[in-house]
Amino acid sequence: MLKKTTKHFKSVFFISFSLSFLSAQALTQPHFDLTVVGFILFGDGIGRQSIGVIDCLKESVSVNFKNTRAHYFKPLLDDVPLPVATIIQQSPDSFTSSVSLLEDVLINGNSERPELYYKLMPASTIKLAYTMFESTSVPASWPAILNTYFDAAVLPDSFLVDIYKKSGVTIPLFVVPLGVYLEDFLAKPLKNGPGAVFTFGNAGTFCDRKNTLLLIESFTEAFKNKKNIQLKLHGRCGDTAYIQQIQQKIAQLKATTISISFNPLPWSGYVDFMSSLDCYVSLSKGEGFSIAPRESLALGIPCIVSNNTGQTTICNSNYVYAIASPHRTPAYYPHLQKQIGYNFNCSKQSVVTALKEVYNNYSTYLKKSHLGRKWSEQYLYKNLKPLYLNLIKPKQVVFGKYNHITAEYLMTNSKKLYNKYLSIGS
C-alpha cells in the first residue's frame, strides 16, 4: 500500500511540475498585438507588403514578424527602413499573438508541389488574410482554405468582394487599400513638359497578363521608328517563354526605338526609371493592386491605363487616360497550368489612339496628372494607418449588418469575429 501511495504521489508531483513548467514557459513568451506573416523583399510588390504594414503600425502596436519562406529565402533588408529591419531581425520564434495577418499568397508554386503558406499562420486569437486575385474567380482551393483557417479576409479593392463571395468565401470580407511607398515619387519635381525624346514606359513582371506584346505592337503602329519617341520596358522577372516572345516581336517589327531591361533594380534605380518616363502605360488584362499607375500619378506624369479589375479605381479618378477593356479572355496561369476565370483585354486600335492622343495633347494630360498627384496621396501608409490600425486594435467594434472598416470603427456581421475582437480588448 505504501508503494502505491508513493507512486501516486510521484505521478501527481510530475503532472503538477509539468503544468507549472508549461505555465511558466507561456508566461515567459513575449506577447504581440500583431504578427505579420510574409516575406521580405522591397523590390517585389508582395515582398514589400510586410515591410509596409510593420512600418505603418510599429509605433502604435507591438509587432512581430514570421517569415513564410524561411526554408529557402532569408529576408533581404536592402532598402528596408532600419526600424523595420530591427523588428524583423529581433522577432522571436516562440511567442503569442492577438492577431496574425498573412501578407503573402495562400499557396505558392505549381499544383504538384505547392507551398502552403496559410498553414504557417501562428496560433492567434484572430487570423486575417490580406488577399487578392486578378481574374473573375479565385483558385478552386481558396474558399475552403479561407473559410477554414481564417477569421476574415482583407481585400485591396472593392471589385474583389463579389468575386470572393461568388467563389464561395463566407467569412467576413473587409476592404482596405494597399499602402504604397510614394514619398520618393512625391518628392520629385513636377514635369513642365516632355523630354527631348518623348518616352513611354512600363515596369513590372513580363507575363501574358501584363499585355506587353500588345503595347509593343500598338506603339510600333502608332509611331513606327520615329527617333524622337521611344518605349522603355523594364521587368524584374517574368515568364521565360513570354520574354522570348517579346524579344522575337521586337525583332520581327524591326523596332529600333524600343528598349527592354530584365535586371532587378534597387529602389532608387526604380524611382529613377519611373521618373525618366513622360507617360506610363499599363495595358494589364487583370490587376489586384495597380501599384505602378499610382506611383506614376504621384510623380505627376500622364498614365494610360486599361479599365478593368483592380485598375478601375484609378480609372474612375478621371486623372488617367482610361482604355475600355470589353473583351473577356481566359485567365491562364502558367505556374498553375490552368485557367482560372477570365481577364479583360482592350483592342489594339484603342491603344494606338490613346498613345497618339497623349503624345499630341501632352500639356492637357500633364495638367490632369499634376492634379492626380494629390489623389495618389491617399495611398500613403500614413494616410491609411487608421484603417490598418482598426484591423488590429479597433477604436470601437460594432456588431451590425456589414463588414466595414472606417477610421473610427470596425463593423462586422459575424458574431464570432465580434466576440473575438472583444476578447482581445478591442
Protein backbone atom coordinates (compact mmCIF):
# COMPACT_ATOMS: atom_id res chain seq x y z
CA MET A 1 0.00 0.00 0.00
CA LEU A 2 2.82 2.35 0.81
CA LYS A 3 4.44 1.69 -2.59
CA LYS A 4 1.17 2.52 -4.42
CA THR A 5 0.81 5.76 -2.46
CA THR A 6 4.38 6.73 -3.26
CA LYS A 7 3.87 6.04 -6.95
CA HIS A 8 0.64 8.04 -6.90
CA PHE A 9 2.41 10.94 -5.16
CA LYS A 10 5.21 10.86 -7.73
CA SER A 11 2.69 10.90 -10.58
CA VAL A 12 0.80 13.85 -9.14
CA PHE A 13 4.05 15.67 -8.47
CA PHE A 14 5.24 15.06 -12.04
CA ILE A 15 1.96 16.27 -13.56
CA SER A 16 1.90 19.34 -11.32
CA PHE A 17 5.51 20.12 -12.11
CA SER A 18 4.90 19.73 -15.85
CA LEU A 19 1.85 22.01 -15.78
CA SER A 20 3.73 24.57 -13.73
CA PHE A 21 6.65 24.42 -16.16
CA LEU A 22 4.38 24.88 -19.16
CA SER A 23 2.54 27.76 -17.47
CA ALA A 24 5.83 29.42 -16.62
CA GLN A 25 7.05 28.88 -20.14
CA ALA A 26 3.88 30.50 -21.52
CA LEU A 27 4.36 33.44 -19.18
CA THR A 28 7.92 33.97 -20.37
CA GLN A 29 6.93 34.00 -24.05
CA PRO A 30 6.65 37.53 -25.44
CA HIS A 31 3.17 38.58 -26.49
CA PHE A 32 2.46 40.76 -29.52
CA ASP A 33 -0.61 42.64 -30.66
CA LEU A 34 0.21 41.72 -34.25
CA THR A 35 2.28 39.11 -36.04
CA VAL A 36 2.86 39.88 -39.73
CA VAL A 37 3.31 36.68 -41.72
CA GLY A 38 5.06 37.07 -45.07
CA PHE A 39 8.42 37.53 -46.74
CA ILE A 40 10.77 40.50 -47.10
CA LEU A 41 11.86 41.84 -50.48
CA PHE A 42 11.45 45.57 -51.02
CA GLY A 43 11.79 45.27 -54.79
CA ASP A 44 8.77 42.96 -55.03
CA GLY A 45 5.19 44.13 -54.64
CA ILE A 46 4.12 41.30 -52.33
CA GLY A 47 7.51 41.21 -50.60
CA ARG A 48 7.05 44.90 -49.79
CA GLN A 49 3.65 44.41 -48.14
CA SER A 50 5.00 43.03 -44.87
CA ILE A 51 7.53 45.86 -44.70
CA GLY A 52 4.83 48.47 -45.19
CA VAL A 53 2.47 47.09 -42.55
CA ILE A 54 5.23 46.81 -39.95
CA ASP A 55 6.44 50.31 -40.80
CA CYS A 56 2.91 51.68 -40.60
CA LEU A 57 1.94 50.16 -37.24
CA LYS A 58 5.23 49.75 -35.36
CA GLU A 59 4.69 52.82 -33.15
CA SER A 60 1.07 52.03 -32.30
CA VAL A 61 1.05 48.28 -31.56
CA SER A 62 3.62 45.65 -30.66
CA VAL A 63 4.62 43.89 -33.89
CA ASN A 64 6.30 40.58 -34.60
CA PHE A 65 7.30 39.02 -37.94
CA LYS A 66 7.18 35.43 -39.19
CA ASN A 67 8.92 34.51 -42.46
CA THR A 68 6.83 32.32 -44.76
CA ARG A 69 9.83 31.47 -46.93
CA ALA A 70 12.45 30.87 -44.25
CA HIS A 71 13.39 27.45 -45.62
CA TYR A 72 14.92 28.98 -48.74
CA PHE A 73 14.68 32.76 -48.62
CA LYS A 74 16.22 34.94 -45.91
CA PRO A 75 14.81 38.46 -45.55
CA LEU A 76 16.60 40.85 -47.92
CA LEU A 77 16.97 44.05 -45.95
CA ASP A 78 18.18 46.28 -48.79
CA ASP A 79 16.09 49.49 -48.84
CA VAL A 80 14.14 48.33 -45.74
CA PRO A 81 13.80 51.15 -43.17
CA LEU A 82 16.13 50.50 -40.22
CA PRO A 83 13.41 50.32 -37.51
CA VAL A 84 11.55 47.73 -39.61
CA ALA A 85 14.73 45.75 -40.24
CA THR A 86 15.38 45.70 -36.49
CA ILE A 87 11.91 44.27 -35.78
CA ILE A 88 12.40 41.62 -38.47
CA GLN A 89 15.82 40.59 -37.14
CA GLN A 90 14.73 40.51 -33.50
CA SER A 91 11.43 38.67 -33.96
CA PRO A 92 11.41 35.55 -31.73
CA ASP A 93 10.42 32.08 -32.90
CA SER A 94 8.38 31.41 -29.77
CA PHE A 95 5.64 33.93 -28.94
CA THR A 96 1.91 34.54 -28.51
CA SER A 97 -0.13 36.92 -30.62
CA SER A 98 -3.57 38.52 -30.53
CA VAL A 99 -3.81 38.99 -34.31
CA SER A 100 -1.85 37.42 -37.13
CA LEU A 101 -2.01 38.87 -40.64
CA LEU A 102 -0.92 36.92 -43.72
CA GLU A 103 0.74 39.25 -46.23
CA ASP A 104 1.88 36.50 -48.61
CA VAL A 105 -0.09 34.37 -51.07
CA LEU A 106 -2.12 31.50 -49.61
CA ILE A 107 -0.38 28.96 -51.83
CA ASN A 108 2.78 29.38 -53.88
CA GLY A 109 4.23 27.23 -56.66
CA ASN A 110 2.71 24.72 -59.02
CA SER A 111 -0.11 22.31 -58.27
CA GLU A 112 2.25 19.32 -57.94
CA ARG A 113 4.42 20.73 -55.13
CA PRO A 114 2.61 23.72 -53.69
CA GLU A 115 3.93 25.67 -50.72
CA LEU A 116 1.08 26.06 -48.25
CA TYR A 117 1.79 29.38 -46.61
CA TYR A 118 -1.63 29.50 -44.94
CA LYS A 119 -0.52 26.60 -42.74
CA LEU A 120 2.31 28.73 -41.34
CA MET A 121 -0.07 31.04 -39.52
CA PRO A 122 0.84 31.12 -35.80
CA ALA A 123 -1.68 30.42 -33.07
CA SER A 124 -3.58 33.68 -32.63
CA THR A 125 -6.97 34.79 -31.41
CA ILE A 126 -7.75 36.36 -34.80
CA LYS A 127 -6.29 35.26 -38.12
CA LEU A 128 -6.55 37.59 -41.11
CA ALA A 129 -5.50 37.12 -44.75
CA TYR A 130 -4.67 40.11 -46.97
CA THR A 131 -5.54 38.57 -50.31
CA MET A 132 -6.35 39.34 -53.93
CA PHE A 133 -6.60 37.72 -57.35
CA GLU A 134 -6.58 39.26 -60.81
CA SER A 135 -9.45 37.49 -62.57
CA THR A 136 -13.19 36.87 -62.29
CA SER A 137 -12.74 34.00 -59.82
CA VAL A 138 -10.20 32.72 -57.30
CA PRO A 139 -8.45 29.32 -57.40
CA ALA A 140 -10.80 26.46 -56.51
CA SER A 141 -8.97 25.62 -53.26
CA TRP A 142 -9.03 29.15 -51.83
CA PRO A 143 -12.61 29.40 -50.47
CA ALA A 144 -12.22 26.28 -48.30
CA ILE A 145 -8.80 27.48 -47.08
CA LEU A 146 -10.07 30.93 -46.17
CA ASN A 147 -13.27 29.64 -44.57
CA THR A 148 -11.39 27.03 -42.52
CA TYR A 149 -8.14 28.70 -41.48
CA PHE A 150 -9.04 32.41 -41.22
CA ASP A 151 -11.48 34.61 -39.36
CA ALA A 152 -11.68 37.27 -42.08
CA ALA A 153 -10.17 38.23 -45.43
CA VAL A 154 -8.94 41.72 -46.21
CA LEU A 155 -9.13 42.82 -49.86
CA PRO A 156 -7.30 45.74 -51.51
CA ASP A 157 -10.15 46.81 -53.80
CA SER A 158 -13.94 46.65 -53.70
CA PHE A 159 -14.17 44.85 -57.07
CA LEU A 160 -12.89 41.72 -55.29
CA VAL A 161 -15.78 41.47 -52.81
CA ASP A 162 -18.29 39.99 -55.26
CA ILE A 163 -15.61 37.76 -56.82
CA TYR A 164 -14.71 36.21 -53.46
CA LYS A 165 -18.36 35.83 -52.45
CA LYS A 166 -19.33 34.20 -55.74
CA SER A 167 -16.32 31.89 -55.43
CA GLY A 168 -17.67 30.60 -52.12
CA VAL A 169 -15.85 32.62 -49.45
CA THR A 170 -18.21 33.02 -46.49
CA ILE A 171 -16.01 34.62 -43.81
CA PRO A 172 -16.20 38.42 -43.40
CA LEU A 173 -14.60 40.43 -46.22
CA PHE A 174 -13.12 43.85 -45.47
CA VAL A 175 -11.74 46.33 -47.99
CA VAL A 176 -8.53 48.14 -47.05
CA PRO A 177 -6.47 49.64 -49.89
CA LEU A 178 -2.86 48.59 -50.25
CA GLY A 179 -0.47 51.15 -48.81
CA VAL A 180 2.21 52.33 -51.26
CA TYR A 181 5.62 53.89 -50.61
CA LEU A 182 5.03 57.09 -52.59
CA GLU A 183 7.26 59.50 -50.67
CA ASP A 184 10.19 59.36 -53.12
CA PHE A 185 7.85 59.86 -56.09
CA LEU A 186 6.07 62.79 -54.47
CA ALA A 187 9.45 64.40 -53.72
CA LYS A 188 10.33 64.61 -57.41
CA PRO A 189 9.67 67.98 -59.08
CA LEU A 190 6.71 68.06 -61.44
CA LYS A 191 7.49 67.93 -65.15
CA ASN A 192 6.91 71.07 -67.22
CA GLY A 193 6.89 69.12 -70.48
CA PRO A 194 8.25 66.00 -72.20
CA GLY A 195 11.93 65.24 -72.66
CA ALA A 196 13.80 65.80 -75.91
CA VAL A 197 12.93 62.19 -76.71
CA PHE A 198 9.34 61.51 -75.68
CA THR A 199 9.36 58.38 -73.51
CA PHE A 200 6.50 55.96 -72.99
CA GLY A 201 7.22 53.19 -70.49
CA ASN A 202 6.08 50.25 -68.42
CA ALA A 203 7.55 48.38 -65.45
CA GLY A 204 6.52 45.07 -63.94
CA THR A 205 6.60 41.33 -64.43
CA PHE A 206 6.84 40.10 -68.01
CA CYS A 207 3.86 37.76 -68.45
CA ASP A 208 0.84 37.48 -70.72
CA ARG A 209 -1.46 39.13 -68.16
CA LYS A 210 0.61 42.33 -68.29
CA ASN A 211 -0.02 42.55 -72.05
CA THR A 212 3.46 43.73 -73.07
CA LEU A 213 3.11 42.31 -76.60
CA LEU A 214 0.04 44.44 -77.28
CA LEU A 215 1.91 47.54 -76.07
CA ILE A 216 4.83 46.79 -78.39
CA GLU A 217 2.57 46.23 -81.39
CA SER A 218 0.48 49.34 -80.67
CA PHE A 219 3.48 51.58 -80.10
CA THR A 220 5.12 50.44 -83.34
CA GLU A 221 1.93 51.03 -85.31
CA ALA A 222 1.41 54.45 -83.76
CA PHE A 223 4.93 55.87 -84.20
CA LYS A 224 6.88 53.49 -86.44
CA ASN A 225 10.57 54.17 -85.65
CA LYS A 226 10.44 57.91 -85.09
CA LYS A 227 13.71 58.78 -83.40
CA ASN A 228 12.17 61.36 -81.05
CA ILE A 229 9.73 58.86 -79.48
CA GLN A 230 10.76 55.77 -77.53
CA LEU A 231 9.28 52.96 -75.45
CA LYS A 232 11.18 51.72 -72.40
CA LEU A 233 10.20 48.39 -70.83
CA HIS A 234 11.55 47.14 -67.52
CA GLY A 235 10.86 43.87 -65.72
CA ARG A 236 12.44 42.45 -62.59
CA CYS A 237 11.33 38.94 -63.56
CA GLY A 238 8.94 37.12 -65.83
CA ASP A 239 7.79 34.06 -67.70
CA THR A 240 10.72 32.79 -69.82
CA ALA A 241 8.54 31.82 -72.78
CA TYR A 242 6.79 35.20 -72.75
CA ILE A 243 10.09 37.09 -72.58
CA GLN A 244 11.23 35.19 -75.68
CA GLN A 245 8.00 36.23 -77.44
CA ILE A 246 8.72 39.86 -76.56
CA GLN A 247 12.23 39.69 -77.96
CA GLN A 248 11.00 37.96 -81.10
CA LYS A 249 8.24 40.53 -81.60
CA ILE A 250 10.68 43.45 -81.31
CA ALA A 251 12.97 41.77 -83.86
CA GLN A 252 10.08 40.91 -86.17
CA LEU A 253 8.82 44.51 -86.18
CA LYS A 254 12.39 45.82 -86.59
CA ALA A 255 11.60 48.22 -83.77
CA THR A 256 14.65 50.37 -83.11
CA THR A 257 13.06 52.72 -80.56
CA ILE A 258 12.04 50.07 -78.04
CA SER A 259 14.42 49.16 -75.22
CA ILE A 260 13.94 46.36 -72.73
CA SER A 261 15.72 45.52 -69.46
CA PHE A 262 15.32 42.49 -67.20
CA ASN A 263 17.52 43.24 -64.21
CA PRO A 264 16.06 43.85 -60.72
CA LEU A 265 16.68 47.46 -59.71
CA PRO A 266 17.40 48.89 -56.27
CA TRP A 267 14.63 51.16 -55.06
CA SER A 268 16.48 54.33 -56.08
CA GLY A 269 17.06 52.90 -59.55
CA TYR A 270 13.38 52.01 -59.90
CA VAL A 271 12.31 55.52 -58.87
CA ASP A 272 14.75 56.97 -61.40
CA PHE A 273 13.37 54.69 -64.14
CA MET A 274 9.80 55.77 -63.43
CA SER A 275 10.89 59.42 -63.27
CA SER A 276 12.50 59.16 -66.71
CA LEU A 277 9.14 58.48 -68.36
CA ASP A 278 6.86 61.06 -69.92
CA CYS A 279 3.88 58.70 -69.93
CA TYR A 280 3.29 55.44 -68.11
CA VAL A 281 1.26 52.76 -69.89
CA SER A 282 -0.45 49.79 -68.20
CA LEU A 283 -2.50 47.59 -70.53
CA SER A 284 -2.83 44.79 -67.97
CA LYS A 285 -5.67 42.32 -68.52
CA GLY A 286 -6.11 41.91 -64.78
CA GLU A 287 -4.73 43.56 -61.65
CA GLY A 288 -5.24 43.13 -57.94
CA PHE A 289 -3.32 46.20 -56.77
CA SER A 290 -2.33 48.51 -59.68
CA ILE A 291 0.72 49.90 -57.88
CA ALA A 292 2.77 51.41 -60.74
CA PRO A 293 -0.03 53.67 -62.07
CA ARG A 294 -0.38 55.14 -58.57
CA GLU A 295 3.37 55.71 -58.43
CA SER A 296 3.15 57.44 -61.82
CA LEU A 297 0.40 59.77 -60.66
CA ALA A 298 2.48 60.53 -57.57
CA LEU A 299 5.19 61.67 -59.99
CA GLY A 300 2.59 63.76 -61.81
CA ILE A 301 3.15 62.10 -65.19
CA PRO A 302 0.31 61.11 -67.55
CA CYS A 303 -0.90 57.50 -67.43
CA ILE A 304 -2.69 55.33 -69.94
CA VAL A 305 -4.49 52.54 -68.08
CA SER A 306 -6.73 49.64 -69.14
CA ASN A 307 -10.05 49.94 -67.32
CA ASN A 308 -10.57 46.58 -65.62
CA THR A 309 -10.35 44.75 -62.27
CA GLY A 310 -8.00 46.49 -59.82
CA GLN A 311 -7.37 49.36 -62.24
CA THR A 312 -10.99 50.53 -62.31
CA THR A 313 -10.45 52.63 -59.18
CA ILE A 314 -7.68 54.73 -60.69
CA CYS A 315 -9.56 54.91 -64.00
CA ASN A 316 -12.62 56.27 -62.17
CA SER A 317 -10.47 59.04 -60.68
CA ASN A 318 -10.51 60.81 -64.10
CA TYR A 319 -6.81 61.62 -63.70
CA VAL A 320 -5.67 58.99 -66.22
CA TYR A 321 -6.50 58.09 -69.80
CA ALA A 322 -8.73 55.04 -69.34
CA ILE A 323 -8.94 52.48 -72.14
CA ALA A 324 -12.06 50.32 -72.30
CA SER A 325 -11.39 46.59 -71.82
CA PRO A 326 -14.54 44.89 -73.12
CA HIS A 327 -13.02 41.66 -74.39
CA ARG A 328 -13.16 38.69 -71.96
CA THR A 329 -10.14 36.43 -72.32
CA PRO A 330 -9.32 33.20 -70.45
CA ALA A 331 -7.08 33.90 -67.44
CA TYR A 332 -4.41 31.23 -67.82
CA TYR A 333 -1.79 30.89 -65.07
CA PRO A 334 1.33 29.04 -66.34
CA HIS A 335 2.65 28.15 -62.87
CA LEU A 336 -0.70 26.55 -62.02
CA GLN A 337 -1.11 25.13 -65.52
CA LYS A 338 -4.79 26.00 -65.60
CA GLN A 339 -7.33 28.65 -66.46
CA ILE A 340 -8.91 30.46 -63.51
CA GLY A 341 -11.75 32.70 -64.57
CA TYR A 342 -11.37 35.48 -67.10
CA ASN A 343 -9.35 38.64 -67.67
CA PHE A 344 -10.25 41.62 -69.86
CA ASN A 345 -8.46 42.95 -72.93
CA CYS A 346 -8.56 46.11 -75.00
CA SER A 347 -8.23 46.45 -78.77
CA LYS A 348 -5.01 47.43 -80.48
CA GLN A 349 -6.73 50.33 -82.20
CA SER A 350 -7.88 51.77 -78.87
CA VAL A 351 -4.29 51.63 -77.59
CA VAL A 352 -2.91 53.27 -80.76
CA THR A 353 -5.49 56.03 -80.36
CA ALA A 354 -4.56 56.54 -76.70
CA LEU A 355 -0.82 56.74 -77.39
CA LYS A 356 -1.31 59.32 -80.15
CA GLU A 357 -3.81 61.30 -78.10
CA VAL A 358 -1.48 61.72 -75.12
CA TYR A 359 1.52 62.46 -77.34
CA ASN A 360 -0.30 65.08 -79.44
CA ASN A 361 -2.03 66.76 -76.48
CA TYR A 362 0.62 66.30 -73.84
CA SER A 363 0.12 69.58 -71.98
CA THR A 364 -3.57 68.73 -71.39
CA TYR A 365 -2.79 65.34 -69.89
CA LEU A 366 0.18 66.69 -67.95
CA LYS A 367 -2.08 69.21 -66.19
CA LYS A 368 -4.54 66.44 -65.37
CA SER A 369 -1.80 64.22 -63.93
CA HIS A 370 -0.48 67.11 -61.83
CA LEU A 371 -3.91 67.26 -60.19
CA GLY A 372 -3.78 63.48 -59.79
CA ARG A 373 -0.70 63.73 -57.59
CA LYS A 374 -2.89 64.88 -54.71
CA TRP A 375 -5.32 62.00 -55.35
CA SER A 376 -2.48 59.48 -55.10
CA GLU A 377 -1.54 60.65 -51.59
CA GLN A 378 -4.49 58.78 -50.09
CA TYR A 379 -2.45 55.57 -50.61
CA LEU A 380 0.42 56.68 -48.40
CA TYR A 381 0.69 54.36 -45.41
CA LYS A 382 0.40 57.30 -43.03
CA ASN A 383 -2.98 58.17 -44.55
CA LEU A 384 -4.20 54.55 -44.44
CA LYS A 385 -2.91 53.96 -40.92
CA PRO A 386 -6.31 54.47 -39.20
CA LEU A 387 -7.79 51.66 -41.31
CA TYR A 388 -4.87 49.28 -40.74
CA LEU A 389 -4.87 50.07 -37.04
CA ASN A 390 -8.59 49.35 -36.76
CA LEU A 391 -7.94 45.91 -38.21
CA ILE A 392 -5.64 45.12 -35.30
CA LYS A 393 -6.88 47.22 -32.37
CA PRO A 394 -10.18 48.82 -33.34
CA LYS A 395 -11.20 52.00 -31.55
CA GLN A 396 -14.69 50.54 -31.50
CA VAL A 397 -16.12 47.18 -32.57
CA VAL A 398 -19.68 47.24 -33.87
CA PHE A 399 -21.91 44.25 -34.48
CA GLY A 400 -24.02 45.28 -37.46
CA LYS A 401 -25.28 44.47 -40.95
CA TYR A 402 -22.00 44.85 -42.85
CA ASN A 403 -18.29 44.11 -42.73
CA HIS A 404 -16.78 47.55 -42.93
CA ILE A 405 -13.77 49.47 -41.60
CA THR A 406 -13.52 53.22 -41.12
CA ALA A 407 -11.05 55.41 -39.26
CA GLU A 408 -13.39 55.29 -36.25
CA TYR A 409 -14.65 51.71 -36.01
CA LEU A 410 -14.74 48.15 -37.33
CA MET A 411 -18.19 46.77 -38.09
CA THR A 412 -18.82 43.06 -38.67
CA ASN A 413 -21.91 40.93 -39.18
CA SER A 414 -20.09 37.92 -37.71
CA LYS A 415 -20.90 37.37 -34.03
CA LYS A 416 -17.90 35.05 -33.80
CA LEU A 417 -15.46 37.67 -35.07
CA TYR A 418 -17.14 40.37 -32.99
CA ASN A 419 -16.63 38.34 -29.81
CA LYS A 420 -13.02 37.60 -30.72
CA TYR A 421 -12.25 41.30 -31.07
CA LEU A 422 -13.89 41.93 -27.70
CA SER A 423 -11.79 39.15 -26.15
CA ILE A 424 -8.50 40.82 -27.13
CA GLY A 425 -9.58 44.04 -25.50
CA SER A 426 -10.66 45.98 -28.57
